[in-house]
Amino acid sequence: MTLSKIPLDFEENSIPMVIYNEDNQSIIEVNKEACELYGYDREELLSLALTDLETEEAIPEPLKRLERQQEKYNAHFWEHKTCEGKSILVDILTQTVSHENKKQVLAIVQDVTLLGQKEFRDQVFQRILTCLQDNLPALFYLFDEEGNLKQWNSYVENTTGYSYDEISSMKTTDFFAEEEESEVIQAINKMYKEGEAELKTQLSSKSGEKIPILFRAVKVKHEDRVFGMGIGLNLSNLVEAEKEAAHHRQILEAVIDQSPSLMYIKDNENRFRFANKAFLQLHGLDHDEIIGKKDSEVLRDYDIELMRKTDRQVRQTGQMCNIREEVKVNGGTRTYLSTKLQLNNIEGYENYLFSMSTDITKQREMEKMLKKSLKQKEVLLSEIHYRVKNNLAVISAIMELEVFDSEDSRLQERLNKNLSRIKTMAFIHEILYQEQDVSQIEFGNNITGLVNTITATFEEKVEVELNVNKLGLNINQALPCSLIINEVVTNIINDNTEQGKEVYLAIELSIEGQNVILRITDKSNGKPNYMNGNRASSISDQLIQTLKKQLIGTFKVTSGEDGKTSFELYFKREQVKGTSSSLFEYPELKIGNF
């Protein structure tokens, strides 16, 4: 198996990267961004192992369980510590690479502490929910539309006397006597139709005992499947059950009040009916100061018109709405992502509006910083293309002076060929400087200018017929393709002018799917020199073969019955990363032959 190479821009890459030994986790190499992320200098990091950056002891128990779950499924969230001891959440992507002729591991590290990970938080919350369900002193159950039990807690087994294996093969109606079965089916149908149902009936245990149970179930949807989920309270000791129900409500209220998100409920007249602790604290209000009051009476830092506009939208459509809100807090402005929905089938709160807002100010600031950084990099890259184009222009001018000063016709021919190559590369960099997207150019529309640049180096008249389609190419494909066009067009012109013939060319560029087809046809009369089989060792032919390999394409020369010769290049359009040239990676290109 061929191992991947280390990225050529490893040192200067804007993403933190670490190379470590797979066996002992010792760090072998780091780039500048990795040093900045962890706060160490390069020598300090190289003296550590990857495990030295972990903070397992500082992870709470729920997170430890989740981390083990992630390891099982090859997820890559880790909690690391910086040089200053600060904990950061990182997302790590690893790949086996070859470094110093040894098999090592390249780790790409992304700090996701500020941005947060909704999926990560959701999984932690789900863990907490599962823990609560397993410890509820009541029956917890989940069943599908066919009535098959999919999940239950140990309380179901303890109450009914059935074992886990027995329950696995039972349906919901199997737990009830025949006289209760019809009532149970009606309640299940109501739940699927209306979203929830409640039923007080008697459960039949394995021993035949009748146990009074109050069942409450709701319809839930998961991955496009519908389930019934609920709890059953044993009414044998109603007082104890009521105490437990009150305790469950306290847990729910505690979760709501301890949440950092702002939550409130408004009635149809925009009067507050509920507000959690975080909402009251943000606005410096007491419970009595807001309940029963209209939003316009108590919220002076909100855009009330915008708030009510989205309220009306939710009430009219019945659909959940997500909006961004700007709120003035302590002399500053904070950004919140608010989710609004209409409450249904809740006694006393029918059609009321529920809103939950999460502070995303840090995420917004990070987003602005990233956009600013991206803009700066685009400007810098554009400036690089501009400078490259100017430097190539200076080299072209120097070579033109050499041509004018030389009396050796063979040397002049060689200098002119290289002059054409340099001008071709300069032309591509000039286009990139003018383009909005500095990584990709509209190649099809610029072929005319490219051909004019090539033919301008010749005194002979050249007639060119163009038939090209619009085609965007990455710079790493546009540059070798342009150089191949230069080599072919230059060879055709030279060979025909040596025979004293006028030059007629046809250039076609098309794309089929993701396959690019370039065809250059010499329409001049007579058999050209390049078909005599004596040019295989020329620098031009070697260069074409090298460029073809860089494109991972095919190149062939064919001669038709009409005497016309065609040069055809085929390659797949791709977003090639890395440096824009790999001309000297191939041993076939023997520079000494020039």
Foldseek 3Di string as FASTA:
>chain_A
DAFAADFPCQQVDCFWKWKAAPPQQQTCFTHPNVCVVQVHDGVVNNRDGPVQFADVVPDDPLVVVVVVVCVVVVFAWGWGAHPVRDIFIKGWDKGWHADPNDTIIMITIDTCRLVDDPVSVVVSVVSVVVVCQQPQLWWKWKFFPVQQTDDIHVNVCVVQVDDPVVSNPDGPLVFDDPVCSVVVVVQVVCQVVVFKGWDWAWTQHPVRDTWTKIWIWGWDDDPNGIMIITTIFGCPPVVVSVVSVVVVVVVVLCVQQPDLKWKWKAAPVQATQDTHNNNCVQQVHDPVVGHRDHCVVRQPFFPVVVVVVVVVVCLVVQDKDWDWTWGDGPNRIWIWIKIKGFDDPDPPRHRIIMMIIDTSRSVVVVVVVVVVVVVVVLVVLLVVLVVLLVVLVVVLVVLVVVLVPDPDVVVNLVSLLVSLLSQLSSLLSVQLSVDPDNFKGFLQVCVVVLVCSLCVSDPADAAEAEAEDGDMATLLLSSLVSSLVSLVVSLQVVQQVVVVWYWYKYWYWDDDPQKIKIKIKTPIDDATPVVPPPCCLPLSNLSNVLSLVSQVWDWDWDADPVRMIMIMIMHGGDSDDHDSDDSPPDPSNDVVVD
